[in-house]
PDB file of N, CA and C in Angstrom:
ATOM      1  N   MET A   1     -43.778 -84.827   3.925  1.00  0.00           N
ATOM      2  CA  MET A   1     -42.943 -83.794   4.482  1.00  0.00           C
ATOM      3  C   MET A   1     -41.575 -83.857   3.806  1.00  0.00           C
ATOM      4  N   SER A   2     -41.108 -82.733   3.289  1.00  0.00           N
ATOM      5  CA  SER A   2     -39.833 -82.716   2.578  1.00  0.00           C
ATOM      6  C   SER A   2     -38.671 -82.590   3.551  1.00  0.00           C
ATOM      7  N   LYS A   3     -37.543 -83.161   3.133  1.00  0.00           N
ATOM      8  CA  LYS A   3     -36.340 -83.081   3.960  1.00  0.00           C
ATOM      9  C   LYS A   3     -35.728 -81.692   3.820  1.00  0.00           C
ATOM     10  N   PRO A   4     -35.149 -81.173   4.880  1.00  0.00           N
ATOM     11  CA  PRO A   4     -34.483 -79.877   4.762  1.00  0.00           C
ATOM     12  C   PRO A   4     -33.218 -80.005   3.922  1.00  0.00           C
ATOM     13  N   SER A   5     -32.870 -78.927   3.264  1.00  0.00           N
ATOM     14  CA  SER A   5     -31.669 -78.914   2.434  1.00  0.00           C
ATOM     15  C   SER A   5     -30.434 -79.080   3.310  1.00  0.00           C
ATOM     16  N   PRO A   6     -29.480 -79.940   2.920  1.00  0.00           N
ATOM     17  CA  PRO A   6     -28.282 -80.122   3.738  1.00  0.00           C
ATOM     18  C   PRO A   6     -27.332 -78.927   3.652  1.00  0.00           C
ATOM     19  N   VAL A   7     -27.577 -77.996   2.729  1.00  0.00           N
ATOM     20  CA  VAL A   7     -26.682 -76.861   2.543  1.00  0.00           C
ATOM     21  C   VAL A   7     -27.144 -75.650   3.339  1.00  0.00           C
ATOM     22  N   ALA A   8     -28.438 -75.432   3.391  1.00  0.00           N
ATOM     23  CA  ALA A   8     -28.960 -74.244   4.062  1.00  0.00           C
ATOM     24  C   ALA A   8     -28.885 -74.401   5.579  1.00  0.00           C
ATOM     25  N   PRO A   9     -28.420 -73.352   6.268  1.00  0.00           N
ATOM     26  CA  PRO A   9     -28.372 -73.426   7.726  1.00  0.00           C
ATOM     27  C   PRO A   9     -29.778 -73.318   8.307  1.00  0.00           C
ATOM     28  N   PRO A  10     -30.002 -73.907   9.450  1.00  0.00           N
ATOM     29  CA  PRO A  10     -31.317 -73.810  10.078  1.00  0.00           C
ATOM     30  C   PRO A  10     -31.649 -72.358  10.417  1.00  0.00           C
ATOM     31  N   SER A  11     -32.917 -72.015  10.350  1.00  0.00           N
ATOM     32  CA  SER A  11     -33.320 -70.636  10.646  1.00  0.00           C
ATOM     33  C   SER A  11     -33.184 -70.313  12.126  1.00  0.00           C
ATOM     34  N   THR A  12     -32.908 -71.322  12.943  1.00  0.00           N
ATOM     35  CA  THR A  12     -32.775 -71.089  14.384  1.00  0.00           C
ATOM     36  C   THR A  12     -31.339 -70.824  14.804  1.00  0.00           C
ATOM     37  N   TRP A  13     -30.390 -70.815  13.869  1.00  0.00           N
ATOM     38  CA  TRP A  13     -29.000 -70.555  14.226  1.00  0.00           C
ATOM     39  C   TRP A  13     -28.843 -69.130  14.729  1.00  0.00           C
ATOM     40  N   PRO A  14     -27.986 -68.934  15.703  1.00  0.00           N
ATOM     41  CA  PRO A  14     -27.703 -67.567  16.150  1.00  0.00           C
ATOM     42  C   PRO A  14     -27.046 -66.765  15.021  1.00  0.00           C
ATOM     43  N   ARG A  15     -27.256 -65.463  15.041  1.00  0.00           N
ATOM     44  CA  ARG A  15     -26.750 -64.596  13.978  1.00  0.00           C
ATOM     45  C   ARG A  15     -25.238 -64.733  13.794  1.00  0.00           C
ATOM     46  N   LYS A  16     -24.486 -64.856  14.891  1.00  0.00           N
ATOM     47  CA  LYS A  16     -23.028 -64.960  14.801  1.00  0.00           C
ATOM     48  C   LYS A  16     -22.627 -66.223  14.029  1.00  0.00           C
ATOM     49  N   GLU A  17     -23.311 -67.332  14.291  1.00  0.00           N
ATOM     50  CA  GLU A  17     -22.996 -68.569  13.578  1.00  0.00           C
ATOM     51  C   GLU A  17     -23.369 -68.467  12.101  1.00  0.00           C
ATOM     52  N   LEU A  18     -24.463 -67.763  11.795  1.00  0.00           N
ATOM     53  CA  LEU A  18     -24.835 -67.559  10.399  1.00  0.00           C
ATOM     54  C   LEU A  18     -23.776 -66.737   9.668  1.00  0.00           C
ATOM     55  N   VAL A  19     -23.257 -65.707  10.339  1.00  0.00           N
ATOM     56  CA  VAL A  19     -22.218 -64.871   9.731  1.00  0.00           C
ATOM     57  C   VAL A  19     -20.982 -65.709   9.443  1.00  0.00           C
ATOM     58  N   VAL A  20     -20.580 -66.540  10.401  1.00  0.00           N
ATOM     59  CA  VAL A  20     -19.413 -67.402  10.206  1.00  0.00           C
ATOM     60  C   VAL A  20     -19.665 -68.371   9.051  1.00  0.00           C
ATOM     61  N   ASP A  21     -20.868 -68.923   8.971  1.00  0.00           N
ATOM     62  CA  ASP A  21     -21.202 -69.864   7.908  1.00  0.00           C
ATOM     63  C   ASP A  21     -21.147 -69.187   6.538  1.00  0.00           C
ATOM     64  N   VAL A  22     -21.735 -68.004   6.436  1.00  0.00           N
ATOM     65  CA  VAL A  22     -21.733 -67.284   5.162  1.00  0.00           C
ATOM     66  C   VAL A  22     -20.310 -66.879   4.782  1.00  0.00           C
ATOM     67  N   LEU A  23     -19.514 -66.439   5.753  1.00  0.00           N
ATOM     68  CA  LEU A  23     -18.123 -66.074   5.484  1.00  0.00           C
ATOM     69  C   LEU A  23     -17.338 -67.287   4.977  1.00  0.00           C
ATOM     70  N   HIS A  24     -17.542 -68.427   5.629  1.00  0.00           N
ATOM     71  CA  HIS A  24     -16.858 -69.649   5.203  1.00  0.00           C
ATOM     72  C   HIS A  24     -17.233 -70.007   3.767  1.00  0.00           C
ATOM     73  N   LYS A  25     -18.506 -69.911   3.440  1.00  0.00           N
ATOM     74  CA  LYS A  25     -18.946 -70.239   2.082  1.00  0.00           C
ATOM     75  C   LYS A  25     -18.386 -69.248   1.065  1.00  0.00           C
ATOM     76  N   ALA A  26     -18.258 -67.980   1.451  1.00  0.00           N
ATOM     77  CA  ALA A  26     -17.690 -66.980   0.546  1.00  0.00           C
ATOM     78  C   ALA A  26     -16.215 -67.267   0.278  1.00  0.00           C
ATOM     79  N   VAL A  27     -15.463 -67.617   1.315  1.00  0.00           N
ATOM     80  CA  VAL A  27     -14.045 -67.943   1.146  1.00  0.00           C
ATOM     81  C   VAL A  27     -13.901 -69.182   0.268  1.00  0.00           C
ATOM     82  N   TYR A  28     -14.727 -70.187   0.513  1.00  0.00           N
ATOM     83  CA  TYR A  28     -14.682 -71.412  -0.287  1.00  0.00           C
ATOM     84  C   TYR A  28     -14.997 -71.108  -1.752  1.00  0.00           C
ATOM     85  N   ALA A  29     -16.016 -70.279  -1.990  1.00  0.00           N
ATOM     86  CA  ALA A  29     -16.392 -69.933  -3.360  1.00  0.00           C
ATOM     87  C   ALA A  29     -15.268 -69.172  -4.055  1.00  0.00           C
ATOM     88  N   PHE A  30     -14.638 -68.240  -3.340  1.00  0.00           N
ATOM     89  CA  PHE A  30     -13.536 -67.479  -3.928  1.00  0.00           C
ATOM     90  C   PHE A  30     -12.368 -68.400  -4.276  1.00  0.00           C
ATOM     91  N   ALA A  31     -12.010 -69.284  -3.356  1.00  0.00           N
ATOM     92  CA  ALA A  31     -10.882 -70.196  -3.594  1.00  0.00           C
ATOM     93  C   ALA A  31     -11.187 -71.142  -4.750  1.00  0.00           C
ATOM     94  N   THR A  32     -12.404 -71.662  -4.800  1.00  0.00           N
ATOM     95  CA  THR A  32     -12.792 -72.558  -5.881  1.00  0.00           C
ATOM     96  C   THR A  32     -12.746 -71.831  -7.224  1.00  0.00           C
ATOM     97  N   GLY A  33     -13.236 -70.598  -7.245  1.00  0.00           N
ATOM     98  CA  GLY A  33     -13.197 -69.809  -8.473  1.00  0.00           C
ATOM     99  C   GLY A  33     -11.778 -69.513  -8.919  1.00  0.00           C
ATOM    100  N   ALA A  34     -10.896 -69.210  -7.961  1.00  0.00           N
ATOM    101  CA  ALA A  34      -9.499 -68.920  -8.300  1.00  0.00           C
ATOM    102  C   ALA A  34      -8.817 -70.148  -8.903  1.00  0.00           C
ATOM    103  N   VAL A  35      -9.083 -71.312  -8.330  1.00  0.00           N
ATOM    104  CA  VAL A  35      -8.499 -72.549  -8.869  1.00  0.00           C
ATOM    105  C   VAL A  35      -9.067 -72.836 -10.258  1.00  0.00           C
ATOM    106  N   ALA A  36     -10.371 -72.668 -10.427  1.00  0.00           N
ATOM    107  CA  ALA A  36     -10.984 -72.910 -11.736  1.00  0.00           C
ATOM    108  C   ALA A  36     -10.424 -71.956 -12.784  1.00  0.00           C
ATOM    109  N   ASP A  37     -10.250 -70.681 -12.422  1.00  0.00           N
ATOM    110  CA  ASP A  37      -9.678 -69.714 -13.359  1.00  0.00           C
ATOM    111  C   ASP A  37      -8.246 -70.079 -13.726  1.00  0.00           C
ATOM    112  N   ALA A  38      -7.470 -70.523 -12.743  1.00  0.00           N
ATOM    113  CA  ALA A  38      -6.078 -70.905 -13.009  1.00  0.00           C
ATOM    114  C   ALA A  38      -6.019 -72.110 -13.948  1.00  0.00           C
ATOM    115  N   LEU A  39      -6.901 -73.070 -13.731  1.00  0.00           N
ATOM    116  CA  LEU A  39      -6.924 -74.245 -14.606  1.00  0.00           C
ATOM    117  C   LEU A  39      -7.396 -73.878 -16.012  1.00  0.00           C
ATOM    118  N   ALA A  40      -8.363 -72.974 -16.098  1.00  0.00           N
ATOM    119  CA  ALA A  40      -8.887 -72.575 -17.406  1.00  0.00           C
ATOM    120  C   ALA A  40      -7.884 -71.738 -18.187  1.00  0.00           C
ATOM    121  N   ALA A  41      -6.964 -71.084 -17.495  1.00  0.00           N
ATOM    122  CA  ALA A  41      -5.994 -70.207 -18.155  1.00  0.00           C
ATOM    123  C   ALA A  41      -4.803 -70.969 -18.725  1.00  0.00           C
ATOM    124  N   ARG A  42      -4.720 -72.258 -18.444  1.00  0.00           N
ATOM    125  CA  ARG A  42      -3.600 -73.039 -18.980  1.00  0.00           C
ATOM    126  C   ARG A  42      -3.620 -72.998 -20.499  1.00  0.00           C
ATOM    127  N   GLY A  43      -2.459 -73.113 -21.088  1.00  0.00           N
ATOM    128  CA  GLY A  43      -2.360 -73.049 -22.541  1.00  0.00           C
ATOM    129  C   GLY A  43      -2.831 -74.328 -23.204  1.00  0.00           C
ATOM    130  N   GLY A  44      -3.426 -74.169 -24.371  1.00  0.00           N
ATOM    131  CA  GLY A  44      -3.824 -75.317 -25.172  1.00  0.00           C
ATOM    132  C   GLY A  44      -5.134 -75.936 -24.733  1.00  0.00           C
ATOM    133  N   PRO A  45      -5.712 -76.728 -25.619  1.00  0.00           N
ATOM    134  CA  PRO A  45      -6.975 -77.385 -25.293  1.00  0.00           C
ATOM    135  C   PRO A  45      -6.780 -78.531 -24.299  1.00  0.00           C
ATOM    136  N   GLY A  46      -7.784 -78.766 -23.499  1.00  0.00           N
ATOM    137  CA  GLY A  46      -7.742 -79.868 -22.548  1.00  0.00           C
ATOM    138  C   GLY A  46      -8.154 -81.166 -23.215  1.00  0.00           C
ATOM    139  N   PRO A  47      -8.135 -82.274 -22.472  1.00  0.00           N
ATOM    140  CA  PRO A  47      -8.482 -83.572 -23.055  1.00  0.00           C
ATOM    141  C   PRO A  47      -9.889 -83.605 -23.646  1.00  0.00           C
ATOM    142  N   GLY A  48     -10.831 -82.954 -22.984  1.00  0.00           N
ATOM    143  CA  GLY A  48     -12.200 -82.950 -23.498  1.00  0.00           C
ATOM    144  C   GLY A  48     -12.324 -82.204 -24.810  1.00  0.00           C
ATOM    145  N   GLN A  49     -11.587 -81.107 -24.932  1.00  0.00           N
ATOM    146  CA  GLN A  49     -11.627 -80.340 -26.175  1.00  0.00           C
ATOM    147  C   GLN A  49     -10.943 -81.101 -27.311  1.00  0.00           C
ATOM    148  N   ARG A  50      -9.864 -81.810 -26.996  1.00  0.00           N
ATOM    149  CA  ARG A  50      -9.203 -82.616 -28.028  1.00  0.00           C
ATOM    150  C   ARG A  50     -10.120 -83.753 -28.481  1.00  0.00           C
ATOM    151  N   HIS A  51     -10.832 -84.340 -27.541  1.00  0.00           N
ATOM    152  CA  HIS A  51     -11.756 -85.425 -27.888  1.00  0.00           C
ATOM    153  C   HIS A  51     -12.889 -84.894 -28.755  1.00  0.00           C
ATOM    154  N   ALA A  52     -13.403 -83.708 -28.425  1.00  0.00           N
ATOM    155  CA  ALA A  52     -14.493 -83.129 -29.211  1.00  0.00           C
ATOM    156  C   ALA A  52     -14.035 -82.779 -30.620  1.00  0.00           C
ATOM    157  N   ALA A  53     -12.755 -82.467 -30.793  1.00  0.00           N
ATOM    158  CA  ALA A  53     -12.243 -82.093 -32.110  1.00  0.00           C
ATOM    159  C   ALA A  53     -12.077 -83.294 -33.035  1.00  0.00           C
ATOM    160  N   VAL A  54     -12.103 -84.504 -32.481  1.00  0.00           N
ATOM    161  CA  VAL A  54     -11.962 -85.703 -33.315  1.00  0.00           C
ATOM    162  C   VAL A  54     -13.076 -85.750 -34.347  1.00  0.00           C
ATOM    163  N   ARG A  55     -14.278 -85.443 -33.920  1.00  0.00           N
ATOM    164  CA  ARG A  55     -15.431 -85.450 -34.813  1.00  0.00           C
ATOM    165  C   ARG A  55     -16.417 -84.403 -34.310  1.00  0.00           C
ATOM    166  N   PRO A  56     -16.378 -83.190 -34.874  1.00  0.00           N
ATOM    167  CA  PRO A  56     -17.246 -82.110 -34.396  1.00  0.00           C
ATOM    168  C   PRO A  56     -18.724 -82.475 -34.484  1.00  0.00           C
ATOM    169  N   GLY A  57     -19.491 -81.952 -33.570  1.00  0.00           N
ATOM    170  CA  GLY A  57     -20.919 -82.233 -33.501  1.00  0.00           C
ATOM    171  C   GLY A  57     -21.203 -83.256 -32.420  1.00  0.00           C
ATOM    172  N   ARG A  58     -22.473 -83.608 -32.291  1.00  0.00           N
ATOM    173  CA  ARG A  58     -22.866 -84.579 -31.268  1.00  0.00           C
ATOM    174  C   ARG A  58     -22.941 -85.969 -31.887  1.00  0.00           C
ATOM    175  N   HIS A  59     -22.046 -86.838 -31.448  1.00  0.00           N
ATOM    176  CA  HIS A  59     -22.006 -88.205 -31.958  1.00  0.00           C
ATOM    177  C   HIS A  59     -21.767 -89.156 -30.795  1.00  0.00           C
ATOM    178  N   SER A  60     -22.519 -90.244 -30.785  1.00  0.00           N
ATOM    179  CA  SER A  60     -22.357 -91.211 -29.695  1.00  0.00           C
ATOM    180  C   SER A  60     -21.367 -92.318 -30.048  1.00  0.00           C
ATOM    181  N   ASP A  61     -20.915 -92.338 -31.288  1.00  0.00           N
ATOM    182  CA  ASP A  61     -20.055 -93.443 -31.711  1.00  0.00           C
ATOM    183  C   ASP A  61     -18.570 -93.068 -31.762  1.00  0.00           C
ATOM    184  N   VAL A  62     -18.172 -92.011 -31.078  1.00  0.00           N
ATOM    185  CA  VAL A  62     -16.761 -91.615 -31.046  1.00  0.00           C
ATOM    186  C   VAL A  62     -16.148 -92.196 -29.784  1.00  0.00           C
ATOM    187  N   GLY A  63     -15.182 -93.057 -29.959  1.00  0.00           N
ATOM    188  CA  GLY A  63     -14.541 -93.693 -28.812  1.00  0.00           C
ATOM    189  C   GLY A  63     -13.577 -92.752 -28.105  1.00  0.00           C
ATOM    190  N   PRO A  64     -13.017 -93.217 -27.015  1.00  0.00           N
ATOM    191  CA  PRO A  64     -12.080 -92.375 -26.265  1.00  0.00           C
ATOM    192  C   PRO A  64     -10.776 -92.174 -27.034  1.00  0.00           C
ATOM    193  N   LEU A  65     -10.093 -91.091 -26.710  1.00  0.00           N
ATOM    194  CA  LEU A  65      -8.783 -90.839 -27.307  1.00  0.00           C
ATOM    195  C   LEU A  65      -7.769 -91.821 -26.751  1.00  0.00           C
ATOM    196  N   ALA A  66      -6.747 -92.078 -27.533  1.00  0.00           N
ATOM    197  CA  ALA A  66      -5.637 -92.885 -27.023  1.00  0.00           C
ATOM    198  C   ALA A  66      -4.961 -92.107 -25.902  1.00  0.00           C
ATOM    199  N   ARG A  67      -4.436 -92.797 -24.927  1.00  0.00           N
ATOM    200  CA  ARG A  67      -3.839 -92.137 -23.768  1.00  0.00           C
ATOM    201  C   ARG A  67      -2.750 -91.142 -24.181  1.00  0.00           C
ATOM    202  N   ARG A  68      -1.961 -91.491 -25.187  1.00  0.00           N
ATOM    203  CA  ARG A  68      -0.874 -90.596 -25.610  1.00  0.00           C
ATOM    204  C   ARG A  68      -1.424 -89.302 -26.207  1.00  0.00           C
ATOM    205  N   ASP A  69      -2.665 -89.319 -26.721  1.00  0.00           N
ATOM    206  CA  ASP A  69      -3.268 -88.130 -27.322  1.00  0.00           C
ATOM    207  C   ASP A  69      -4.138 -87.346 -26.346  1.00  0.00           C
ATOM    208  N   ALA A  70      -4.490 -87.958 -25.234  1.00  0.00           N
ATOM    209  CA  ALA A  70      -5.418 -87.321 -24.309  1.00  0.00           C
ATOM    210  C   ALA A  70      -4.764 -86.213 -23.498  1.00  0.00           C
ATOM    211  N   TYR A  71      -3.496 -86.349 -23.219  1.00  0.00           N
ATOM    212  CA  TYR A  71      -2.806 -85.376 -22.381  1.00  0.00           C
ATOM    213  C   TYR A  71      -1.757 -84.668 -23.218  1.00  0.00           C
ATOM    214  N   GLY A  72      -1.773 -83.357 -23.173  1.00  0.00           N
ATOM    215  CA  GLY A  72      -0.892 -82.580 -24.027  1.00  0.00           C
ATOM    216  C   GLY A  72       0.502 -82.355 -23.485  1.00  0.00           C
ATOM    217  N   ARG A  73       0.958 -83.155 -22.567  1.00  0.00           N
ATOM    218  CA  ARG A  73       2.281 -82.942 -21.969  1.00  0.00           C
ATOM    219  C   ARG A  73       3.304 -83.853 -22.550  1.00  0.00           C
TER     220      ARG A  73
END
């Protein structure tokens, strides 16, 4: 017997509680998207992009960036 998903509401919830749950998830999704968009709109490459530029392509032998190079501030 499989465990129920911890995210999905039970099918026995009253309609009003389901509406509140869906509304809450919509607000959370909108807020999360707004924060992600704001972070993505920042100028310049992030630490991960700077690290990837050290040696383009997929390589397992590229070490981490020095702390002074990891953050562009």
